[in-house]
Amino acid sequence: MKITKIEKFHPATIAYELGKVIAESRFKAVIDHEDNSVNIGKVRLKSSKEYCGNHAKACENIGKIDRKSAFLEGADWVEFNDLVNHTLDSHQIAAFVASAKGAGCIIRKGKKRRIRYDADTFIGEPGRGEWRWNYDAPDNHFRNCFKKLDQISKFPKGTPGIYTPTNYFTIG
């Protein structure tokens, strides 16, 4: 994940603030900054869990055996993205945030955070493939939440990675 086009804040400040928030969450990540950007990599869960894959919507892989892993799944990523956006919103930081193109998506455009994740792209064949997040989304899937810090994003029903203590199970 990369944070670019940052307005009015130094990337070192953003990296520091994100580091504090992530340390207190169920996630861990490597955060570094350059002159004009912040990079967030190696995002993992602090505790391993059953893992079926990093995809949106319900699992399409018939007969696949889950394994224990610290990798994030679809809803885990939405929760992590919300954590990043909440941090930027709480400091009123405008920036462009996107994860890797392909399996990733745009998470923030300036002052507007992504509040809805859809998955219309299927990679593979029925019974052996996965849904991918739409990389970009219509304007109504983004909202300025500088004054509303409790925004929980919506995502497709059946998305794996639901974590009930943070109420992400009520979405979708």
N, C-alpha and C. Protein backbone atom coordinates (compact mmCIF):
# COMPACT_ATOMS: atom_id res chain seq x y z
N MET A 1 0.86 -1.16 0.00
CA MET A 1 0.00 0.00 0.00
C MET A 1 0.90 1.22 0.00
N LYS A 2 0.49 2.22 -0.76
CA LYS A 2 1.30 3.43 -0.86
C LYS A 2 0.42 4.66 -0.67
N ILE A 3 0.91 5.60 0.13
CA ILE A 3 0.23 6.86 0.36
C ILE A 3 1.04 7.94 -0.36
N THR A 4 0.39 8.60 -1.32
CA THR A 4 1.06 9.63 -2.12
C THR A 4 0.18 10.89 -2.17
N LYS A 5 0.65 11.90 -2.88
CA LYS A 5 -0.07 13.16 -3.06
C LYS A 5 -0.56 13.71 -1.72
N ILE A 6 0.31 13.65 -0.73
CA ILE A 6 0.00 14.08 0.63
C ILE A 6 -0.02 15.60 0.69
N GLU A 7 -1.08 16.15 1.28
CA GLU A 7 -1.21 17.61 1.40
C GLU A 7 -0.96 18.05 2.84
N LYS A 8 -0.09 19.02 3.04
CA LYS A 8 0.12 19.72 4.29
C LYS A 8 0.69 18.89 5.44
N PHE A 9 1.15 17.68 5.19
CA PHE A 9 1.74 16.87 6.24
C PHE A 9 3.01 16.21 5.72
N HIS A 10 3.97 16.05 6.58
CA HIS A 10 5.21 15.37 6.20
C HIS A 10 4.98 13.86 6.30
N PRO A 11 5.46 13.10 5.33
CA PRO A 11 5.30 11.64 5.36
C PRO A 11 5.82 10.98 6.65
N ALA A 12 6.86 11.54 7.27
CA ALA A 12 7.38 10.97 8.53
C ALA A 12 6.33 11.05 9.64
N THR A 13 5.58 12.14 9.67
CA THR A 13 4.52 12.31 10.67
C THR A 13 3.42 11.27 10.45
N ILE A 14 3.04 11.09 9.21
CA ILE A 14 2.00 10.11 8.90
C ILE A 14 2.48 8.70 9.25
N ALA A 15 3.71 8.37 8.90
CA ALA A 15 4.27 7.05 9.22
C ALA A 15 4.26 6.81 10.73
N TYR A 16 4.63 7.82 11.48
CA TYR A 16 4.65 7.72 12.94
C TYR A 16 3.24 7.47 13.49
N GLU A 17 2.26 8.26 13.04
CA GLU A 17 0.88 8.12 13.52
C GLU A 17 0.30 6.75 13.14
N LEU A 18 0.54 6.32 11.92
CA LEU A 18 0.07 5.00 11.50
C LEU A 18 0.73 3.89 12.32
N GLY A 19 2.01 4.03 12.59
CA GLY A 19 2.72 3.05 13.40
C GLY A 19 2.11 2.88 14.78
N LYS A 20 1.73 3.99 15.41
CA LYS A 20 1.10 3.93 16.74
C LYS A 20 -0.25 3.20 16.66
N VAL A 21 -1.07 3.55 15.68
CA VAL A 21 -2.39 2.97 15.56
C VAL A 21 -2.31 1.48 15.23
N ILE A 22 -1.45 1.12 14.30
CA ILE A 22 -1.31 -0.28 13.91
C ILE A 22 -0.79 -1.11 15.08
N ALA A 23 0.13 -0.57 15.86
CA ALA A 23 0.68 -1.30 17.01
C ALA A 23 -0.41 -1.66 18.02
N GLU A 24 -1.44 -0.84 18.13
CA GLU A 24 -2.54 -1.08 19.07
C GLU A 24 -3.64 -1.95 18.47
N SER A 25 -3.55 -2.29 17.20
CA SER A 25 -4.59 -3.06 16.52
C SER A 25 -4.23 -4.55 16.48
N ARG A 26 -5.01 -5.33 15.77
CA ARG A 26 -4.74 -6.76 15.60
C ARG A 26 -3.83 -7.02 14.40
N PHE A 27 -3.30 -5.93 13.82
CA PHE A 27 -2.44 -6.02 12.64
C PHE A 27 -1.00 -5.67 12.98
N LYS A 28 -0.10 -6.06 12.10
CA LYS A 28 1.29 -5.59 12.14
C LYS A 28 1.68 -5.28 10.71
N ALA A 29 2.63 -4.36 10.55
CA ALA A 29 3.04 -3.95 9.22
C ALA A 29 4.40 -3.27 9.30
N VAL A 30 5.06 -3.20 8.16
CA VAL A 30 6.31 -2.46 8.03
C VAL A 30 5.96 -1.13 7.36
N ILE A 31 6.29 -0.04 8.03
CA ILE A 31 5.97 1.29 7.52
C ILE A 31 7.26 2.07 7.32
N ASP A 32 7.45 2.60 6.12
CA ASP A 32 8.58 3.48 5.90
C ASP A 32 8.11 4.64 5.03
N HIS A 33 8.92 5.68 5.00
CA HIS A 33 8.51 6.87 4.24
C HIS A 33 9.67 7.37 3.41
N GLU A 34 9.29 8.08 2.37
CA GLU A 34 10.25 8.76 1.49
C GLU A 34 9.90 10.23 1.53
N ASP A 35 10.50 11.02 0.66
CA ASP A 35 10.24 12.46 0.66
C ASP A 35 8.78 12.81 0.42
N ASN A 36 8.09 12.04 -0.44
CA ASN A 36 6.73 12.40 -0.83
C ASN A 36 5.71 11.28 -0.64
N SER A 37 6.08 10.21 0.07
CA SER A 37 5.15 9.10 0.20
C SER A 37 5.41 8.28 1.45
N VAL A 38 4.42 7.44 1.78
CA VAL A 38 4.53 6.48 2.87
C VAL A 38 4.22 5.11 2.29
N ASN A 39 5.05 4.14 2.59
CA ASN A 39 4.84 2.77 2.13
C ASN A 39 4.46 1.90 3.32
N ILE A 40 3.41 1.11 3.13
CA ILE A 40 2.98 0.17 4.16
C ILE A 40 3.05 -1.22 3.52
N GLY A 41 3.91 -2.06 4.07
CA GLY A 41 4.10 -3.38 3.50
C GLY A 41 4.08 -4.47 4.54
N LYS A 42 4.13 -5.70 4.07
CA LYS A 42 4.13 -6.88 4.94
C LYS A 42 3.05 -6.80 6.00
N VAL A 43 1.85 -6.44 5.58
CA VAL A 43 0.72 -6.34 6.50
C VAL A 43 0.27 -7.76 6.84
N ARG A 44 0.19 -8.04 8.13
CA ARG A 44 -0.18 -9.37 8.62
C ARG A 44 -1.04 -9.22 9.86
N LEU A 45 -1.73 -10.30 10.20
CA LEU A 45 -2.44 -10.38 11.47
C LEU A 45 -1.43 -10.73 12.55
N LYS A 46 -1.64 -10.27 13.76
CA LYS A 46 -0.75 -10.61 14.86
C LYS A 46 -0.93 -12.07 15.27
N SER A 47 -2.15 -12.60 15.10
CA SER A 47 -2.44 -14.00 15.43
C SER A 47 -2.93 -14.72 14.19
N SER A 48 -2.41 -15.91 13.95
CA SER A 48 -2.83 -16.71 12.79
C SER A 48 -4.27 -17.17 12.96
N LYS A 49 -4.92 -17.43 11.83
CA LYS A 49 -6.29 -17.96 11.83
C LYS A 49 -6.47 -18.82 10.59
N GLU A 50 -7.61 -19.49 10.49
CA GLU A 50 -7.92 -20.24 9.28
C GLU A 50 -7.97 -19.25 8.12
N TYR A 51 -7.39 -19.61 7.01
CA TYR A 51 -7.23 -18.70 5.88
C TYR A 51 -7.63 -19.39 4.59
N CYS A 52 -8.56 -18.80 3.85
CA CYS A 52 -8.95 -19.40 2.57
C CYS A 52 -8.45 -18.58 1.38
N GLY A 53 -8.00 -17.37 1.61
CA GLY A 53 -7.44 -16.58 0.52
C GLY A 53 -7.81 -15.12 0.60
N ASN A 54 -7.02 -14.29 -0.06
CA ASN A 54 -7.25 -12.84 -0.07
C ASN A 54 -8.14 -12.49 -1.25
N HIS A 55 -9.43 -12.65 -1.07
CA HIS A 55 -10.35 -12.35 -2.15
C HIS A 55 -11.64 -11.78 -1.60
N ALA A 56 -12.36 -11.11 -2.45
CA ALA A 56 -13.65 -10.55 -2.09
C ALA A 56 -14.74 -11.59 -2.37
N LYS A 57 -15.85 -11.47 -1.74
CA LYS A 57 -16.99 -12.38 -1.86
C LYS A 57 -16.64 -13.76 -1.31
N ALA A 58 -17.61 -14.65 -1.34
CA ALA A 58 -17.42 -16.00 -0.80
C ALA A 58 -16.40 -16.78 -1.62
N CYS A 59 -15.77 -17.75 -0.98
CA CYS A 59 -14.75 -18.57 -1.63
C CYS A 59 -15.37 -19.43 -2.73
N GLU A 60 -14.73 -19.44 -3.89
CA GLU A 60 -15.21 -20.20 -5.04
C GLU A 60 -14.40 -21.48 -5.26
N ASN A 61 -13.40 -21.72 -4.44
CA ASN A 61 -12.54 -22.88 -4.65
C ASN A 61 -13.11 -24.10 -3.96
N ILE A 62 -13.71 -24.98 -4.76
CA ILE A 62 -14.35 -26.19 -4.26
C ILE A 62 -13.29 -27.15 -3.73
N GLY A 63 -13.52 -27.65 -2.52
CA GLY A 63 -12.63 -28.64 -1.95
C GLY A 63 -11.31 -28.10 -1.42
N LYS A 64 -11.15 -26.81 -1.41
CA LYS A 64 -9.90 -26.21 -0.92
C LYS A 64 -9.83 -26.36 0.60
N ILE A 65 -8.69 -26.78 1.10
CA ILE A 65 -8.49 -26.93 2.53
C ILE A 65 -7.83 -25.66 3.06
N ASP A 66 -8.47 -25.06 4.06
CA ASP A 66 -7.90 -23.85 4.66
C ASP A 66 -6.66 -24.21 5.47
N ARG A 67 -5.78 -23.25 5.59
CA ARG A 67 -4.58 -23.43 6.39
C ARG A 67 -4.50 -22.29 7.39
N LYS A 68 -3.74 -22.48 8.44
CA LYS A 68 -3.52 -21.41 9.42
C LYS A 68 -2.53 -20.43 8.83
N SER A 69 -2.82 -19.14 8.94
CA SER A 69 -1.94 -18.13 8.38
C SER A 69 -2.19 -16.79 9.04
N ALA A 70 -1.20 -15.92 8.96
CA ALA A 70 -1.34 -14.55 9.45
C ALA A 70 -1.69 -13.59 8.31
N PHE A 71 -1.91 -14.14 7.10
CA PHE A 71 -2.30 -13.30 5.97
C PHE A 71 -3.70 -12.75 6.16
N LEU A 72 -3.95 -11.57 5.61
CA LEU A 72 -5.26 -10.96 5.67
C LEU A 72 -6.13 -11.49 4.54
N GLU A 73 -7.42 -11.57 4.80
CA GLU A 73 -8.39 -11.93 3.78
C GLU A 73 -9.21 -10.69 3.45
N GLY A 74 -10.20 -10.84 2.61
CA GLY A 74 -10.98 -9.71 2.11
C GLY A 74 -11.45 -8.72 3.16
N ALA A 75 -12.25 -9.18 4.12
CA ALA A 75 -12.79 -8.27 5.14
C ALA A 75 -11.70 -7.76 6.08
N ASP A 76 -10.65 -8.57 6.28
CA ASP A 76 -9.51 -8.08 7.07
C ASP A 76 -8.90 -6.86 6.40
N TRP A 77 -8.75 -6.94 5.06
CA TRP A 77 -8.18 -5.81 4.32
C TRP A 77 -9.07 -4.58 4.42
N VAL A 78 -10.38 -4.78 4.36
CA VAL A 78 -11.29 -3.63 4.47
C VAL A 78 -11.13 -2.99 5.85
N GLU A 79 -11.02 -3.82 6.89
CA GLU A 79 -10.83 -3.29 8.24
C GLU A 79 -9.48 -2.55 8.34
N PHE A 80 -8.42 -3.11 7.75
CA PHE A 80 -7.12 -2.45 7.77
C PHE A 80 -7.19 -1.12 7.00
N ASN A 81 -7.84 -1.13 5.85
CA ASN A 81 -8.00 0.09 5.06
C ASN A 81 -8.76 1.14 5.86
N ASP A 82 -9.80 0.71 6.58
CA ASP A 82 -10.55 1.64 7.43
C ASP A 82 -9.66 2.21 8.52
N LEU A 83 -8.77 1.40 9.09
CA LEU A 83 -7.85 1.85 10.12
C LEU A 83 -6.93 2.95 9.56
N VAL A 84 -6.40 2.72 8.36
CA VAL A 84 -5.54 3.73 7.72
C VAL A 84 -6.35 4.99 7.46
N ASN A 85 -7.54 4.84 6.88
CA ASN A 85 -8.38 6.00 6.58
C ASN A 85 -8.81 6.74 7.85
N HIS A 86 -9.12 6.00 8.90
CA HIS A 86 -9.51 6.64 10.17
C HIS A 86 -8.36 7.49 10.70
N THR A 87 -7.14 6.98 10.59
CA THR A 87 -5.97 7.73 11.05
C THR A 87 -5.81 9.01 10.23
N LEU A 88 -5.93 8.90 8.91
CA LEU A 88 -5.81 10.09 8.06
C LEU A 88 -6.95 11.06 8.32
N ASP A 89 -8.17 10.55 8.50
CA ASP A 89 -9.32 11.42 8.79
C ASP A 89 -9.15 12.15 10.12
N SER A 90 -8.66 11.44 11.14
CA SER A 90 -8.55 12.05 12.46
C SER A 90 -7.55 13.22 12.47
N HIS A 91 -6.60 13.20 11.54
CA HIS A 91 -5.63 14.30 11.42
C HIS A 91 -5.96 15.21 10.23
N GLN A 92 -7.10 14.96 9.59
CA GLN A 92 -7.56 15.71 8.42
C GLN A 92 -6.48 15.80 7.35
N ILE A 93 -5.97 14.63 6.98
CA ILE A 93 -4.92 14.53 5.97
C ILE A 93 -5.53 14.11 4.64
N ALA A 94 -5.33 14.93 3.63
CA ALA A 94 -5.75 14.59 2.27
C ALA A 94 -4.57 13.89 1.58
N ALA A 95 -4.85 12.77 0.92
CA ALA A 95 -3.80 12.01 0.24
C ALA A 95 -4.44 11.00 -0.71
N PHE A 96 -3.63 10.43 -1.56
CA PHE A 96 -4.07 9.34 -2.44
C PHE A 96 -3.49 8.06 -1.85
N VAL A 97 -4.36 7.06 -1.62
CA VAL A 97 -3.91 5.78 -1.05
C VAL A 97 -4.41 4.66 -1.94
N ALA A 98 -3.51 3.77 -2.33
CA ALA A 98 -3.89 2.60 -3.14
C ALA A 98 -3.03 1.42 -2.76
N SER A 99 -3.62 0.25 -2.84
CA SER A 99 -2.85 -0.98 -2.67
C SER A 99 -2.50 -1.49 -4.06
N ALA A 100 -1.80 -2.58 -4.11
CA ALA A 100 -1.28 -3.10 -5.39
C ALA A 100 -2.38 -3.27 -6.43
N LYS A 101 -2.11 -2.80 -7.63
CA LYS A 101 -3.06 -2.96 -8.72
C LYS A 101 -3.15 -4.44 -9.06
N GLY A 102 -4.31 -4.91 -9.43
CA GLY A 102 -4.51 -6.33 -9.68
C GLY A 102 -5.39 -6.88 -8.58
N ALA A 103 -4.78 -7.22 -7.46
CA ALA A 103 -5.55 -7.71 -6.32
C ALA A 103 -5.93 -6.56 -5.38
N GLY A 104 -5.40 -5.39 -5.60
CA GLY A 104 -5.63 -4.27 -4.70
C GLY A 104 -6.70 -3.32 -5.19
N CYS A 105 -6.71 -2.11 -4.60
CA CYS A 105 -7.72 -1.13 -4.98
C CYS A 105 -7.33 0.25 -4.46
N ILE A 106 -8.04 1.25 -4.96
CA ILE A 106 -7.88 2.62 -4.46
C ILE A 106 -8.65 2.71 -3.14
N ILE A 107 -7.99 3.24 -2.12
CA ILE A 107 -8.53 3.29 -0.77
C ILE A 107 -8.93 4.71 -0.39
N ARG A 108 -8.28 5.70 -0.99
CA ARG A 108 -8.56 7.10 -0.66
C ARG A 108 -8.20 7.99 -1.83
N LYS A 109 -9.04 9.01 -2.03
CA LYS A 109 -8.78 10.04 -3.04
C LYS A 109 -8.89 11.39 -2.36
N GLY A 110 -7.75 11.95 -2.01
CA GLY A 110 -7.75 13.26 -1.35
C GLY A 110 -8.37 13.19 0.03
N LYS A 111 -9.44 13.95 0.25
CA LYS A 111 -10.12 13.97 1.54
C LYS A 111 -11.16 12.85 1.66
N LYS A 112 -11.39 12.13 0.59
CA LYS A 112 -12.47 11.13 0.58
C LYS A 112 -11.92 9.71 0.71
N ARG A 113 -12.43 9.00 1.71
CA ARG A 113 -12.05 7.62 1.93
C ARG A 113 -13.04 6.69 1.23
N ARG A 114 -12.58 5.53 0.87
CA ARG A 114 -13.47 4.53 0.27
C ARG A 114 -14.36 3.98 1.37
N ILE A 115 -15.66 3.92 1.11
CA ILE A 115 -16.62 3.42 2.09
C ILE A 115 -17.37 2.20 1.59
N ARG A 116 -17.12 1.83 0.35
CA ARG A 116 -17.80 0.66 -0.22
C ARG A 116 -16.84 -0.07 -1.15
N TYR A 117 -16.74 -1.37 -0.94
CA TYR A 117 -15.86 -2.22 -1.74
C TYR A 117 -16.73 -3.20 -2.50
N ASP A 118 -16.63 -3.19 -3.80
CA ASP A 118 -17.36 -4.12 -4.64
C ASP A 118 -16.39 -5.03 -5.36
N ALA A 119 -16.91 -6.14 -5.83
CA ALA A 119 -16.08 -7.11 -6.54
C ALA A 119 -16.87 -7.62 -7.74
N ASP A 120 -16.58 -7.11 -8.92
CA ASP A 120 -17.27 -7.52 -10.14
C ASP A 120 -16.38 -8.34 -11.06
N THR A 121 -15.10 -8.48 -10.71
CA THR A 121 -14.15 -9.19 -11.57
C THR A 121 -13.85 -10.56 -10.99
N PHE A 122 -14.08 -11.60 -11.80
CA PHE A 122 -13.78 -12.97 -11.38
C PHE A 122 -12.57 -13.45 -12.17
N ILE A 123 -11.56 -13.94 -11.46
CA ILE A 123 -10.35 -14.46 -12.08
C ILE A 123 -10.37 -15.97 -11.94
N GLY A 124 -10.27 -16.67 -13.04
CA GLY A 124 -10.28 -18.14 -13.00
C GLY A 124 -11.52 -18.70 -13.65
N GLU A 125 -11.87 -19.90 -13.28
CA GLU A 125 -13.05 -20.57 -13.82
C GLU A 125 -13.96 -20.95 -12.67
N PRO A 126 -15.25 -21.14 -12.92
CA PRO A 126 -16.17 -21.50 -11.84
C PRO A 126 -15.66 -22.72 -11.06
N GLY A 127 -15.69 -22.60 -9.75
CA GLY A 127 -15.22 -23.68 -8.89
C GLY A 127 -13.73 -23.63 -8.61
N ARG A 128 -12.98 -22.81 -9.37
CA ARG A 128 -11.53 -22.69 -9.17
C ARG A 128 -11.09 -21.28 -9.55
N GLY A 129 -11.43 -20.35 -8.74
CA GLY A 129 -11.06 -18.96 -9.01
C GLY A 129 -11.42 -18.08 -7.83
N GLU A 130 -11.36 -16.79 -8.05
CA GLU A 130 -11.67 -15.86 -6.97
C GLU A 130 -12.17 -14.54 -7.51
N TRP A 131 -12.93 -13.85 -6.67
CA TRP A 131 -13.40 -12.50 -6.97
C TRP A 131 -12.32 -11.51 -6.56
N ARG A 132 -12.17 -10.45 -7.33
CA ARG A 132 -11.22 -9.38 -7.03
C ARG A 132 -11.98 -8.09 -6.77
N TRP A 133 -11.44 -7.28 -5.85
CA TRP A 133 -12.02 -5.96 -5.61
C TRP A 133 -11.95 -5.16 -6.90
N ASN A 134 -12.92 -4.29 -7.11
CA ASN A 134 -12.83 -3.33 -8.21
C ASN A 134 -11.74 -2.34 -7.81
N TYR A 135 -10.75 -2.16 -8.69
CA TYR A 135 -9.63 -1.29 -8.36
C TYR A 135 -10.09 0.13 -8.07
N ASP A 136 -10.92 0.68 -8.94
CA ASP A 136 -11.49 2.01 -8.73
C ASP A 136 -12.98 1.84 -8.50
N ALA A 137 -13.63 2.91 -8.15
CA ALA A 137 -15.06 2.85 -7.86
C ALA A 137 -15.69 4.20 -8.19
N PRO A 138 -17.03 4.22 -8.34
CA PRO A 138 -17.71 5.49 -8.59
C PRO A 138 -17.53 6.46 -7.42
N ASP A 139 -17.74 7.73 -7.68
CA ASP A 139 -17.57 8.77 -6.66
C ASP A 139 -18.41 8.52 -5.41
N ASN A 140 -19.60 7.92 -5.56
CA ASN A 140 -20.46 7.71 -4.39
C ASN A 140 -19.94 6.58 -3.48
N HIS A 141 -18.84 5.94 -3.84
CA HIS A 141 -18.20 4.93 -2.99
C HIS A 141 -17.10 5.56 -2.13
N PHE A 142 -16.96 6.87 -2.23
CA PHE A 142 -15.97 7.62 -1.46
C PHE A 142 -16.68 8.74 -0.71
N ARG A 143 -16.22 9.03 0.51
CA ARG A 143 -16.87 10.07 1.31
C ARG A 143 -15.84 10.78 2.18
N ASN A 144 -16.03 12.09 2.32
CA ASN A 144 -15.21 12.86 3.25
C ASN A 144 -15.72 12.57 4.66
N CYS A 145 -14.87 11.99 5.49
CA CYS A 145 -15.24 11.61 6.85
C CYS A 145 -14.39 12.31 7.90
N PHE A 146 -13.87 13.48 7.57
CA PHE A 146 -13.05 14.22 8.53
C PHE A 146 -13.81 14.46 9.83
N LYS A 147 -15.11 14.65 9.78
CA LYS A 147 -15.89 14.93 10.98
C LYS A 147 -16.67 13.71 11.46
N LYS A 148 -16.61 12.60 10.71
CA LYS A 148 -17.32 11.37 11.09
C LYS A 148 -16.30 10.24 11.12
N LEU A 149 -15.72 10.01 12.28
CA LEU A 149 -14.60 9.09 12.39
C LEU A 149 -14.99 7.63 12.64
N ASP A 150 -16.28 7.33 12.71
CA ASP A 150 -16.68 5.96 13.01
C ASP A 150 -17.19 5.21 11.77
N GLN A 151 -16.82 5.65 10.60
CA GLN A 151 -17.27 5.04 9.36
C GLN A 151 -16.75 3.60 9.25
N ILE A 152 -17.65 2.65 9.00
CA ILE A 152 -17.27 1.27 8.72
C ILE A 152 -17.68 0.99 7.29
N SER A 153 -16.73 0.57 6.48
CA SER A 153 -16.99 0.34 5.06
C SER A 153 -17.86 -0.89 4.82
N LYS A 154 -18.55 -0.86 3.70
CA LYS A 154 -19.39 -1.99 3.28
C LYS A 154 -18.63 -2.83 2.26
N PHE A 155 -18.93 -4.12 2.23
CA PHE A 155 -18.29 -5.02 1.29
C PHE A 155 -19.25 -6.16 0.98
N PRO A 156 -18.98 -6.95 -0.07
CA PRO A 156 -19.94 -7.98 -0.50
C PRO A 156 -20.22 -9.04 0.57
N LYS A 157 -21.46 -9.48 0.60
CA LYS A 157 -21.86 -10.56 1.49
C LYS A 157 -21.03 -11.80 1.18
N GLY A 158 -20.58 -12.47 2.21
CA GLY A 158 -19.78 -13.67 2.03
C GLY A 158 -18.29 -13.43 1.95
N THR A 159 -17.84 -12.17 2.06
CA THR A 159 -16.41 -11.87 2.01
C THR A 159 -15.72 -12.57 3.17
N PRO A 160 -14.65 -13.33 2.91
CA PRO A 160 -13.95 -14.00 4.00
C PRO A 160 -13.15 -13.01 4.84
N GLY A 161 -12.84 -13.42 6.07
CA GLY A 161 -12.01 -12.59 6.93
C GLY A 161 -12.79 -11.79 7.94
N ILE A 162 -14.05 -12.13 8.16
CA ILE A 162 -14.88 -11.39 9.11
C ILE A 162 -14.30 -11.55 10.52
N TYR A 163 -14.19 -10.44 11.21
CA TYR A 163 -13.65 -10.41 12.56
C TYR A 163 -14.69 -9.79 13.45
N THR A 164 -15.38 -10.59 14.25
CA THR A 164 -16.54 -10.11 14.99
C THR A 164 -16.29 -9.09 16.09
N PRO A 165 -15.16 -9.10 16.82
CA PRO A 165 -15.03 -8.11 17.88
C PRO A 165 -15.09 -6.65 17.42
N THR A 166 -14.85 -6.38 16.16
CA THR A 166 -14.91 -4.99 15.68
C THR A 166 -16.18 -4.70 14.89
N ASN A 167 -17.14 -5.61 14.97
CA ASN A 167 -18.46 -5.44 14.34
C ASN A 167 -18.43 -5.49 12.82
N TYR A 168 -17.39 -5.97 12.22
CA TYR A 168 -17.37 -6.09 10.76
C TYR A 168 -18.31 -7.18 10.29
N PHE A 169 -18.78 -8.06 11.19
CA PHE A 169 -19.72 -9.10 10.81
C PHE A 169 -21.09 -8.52 10.49
N THR A 170 -21.39 -7.30 10.90
CA THR A 170 -22.71 -6.72 10.66
C THR A 170 -22.81 -6.08 9.28
N ILE A 171 -21.72 -6.01 8.56
CA ILE A 171 -21.70 -5.37 7.25
C ILE A 171 -21.75 -6.44 6.17
N GLY A 172 -22.33 -6.10 5.04
CA GLY A 172 -22.28 -7.02 3.90
C GLY A 172 -23.61 -7.62 3.57
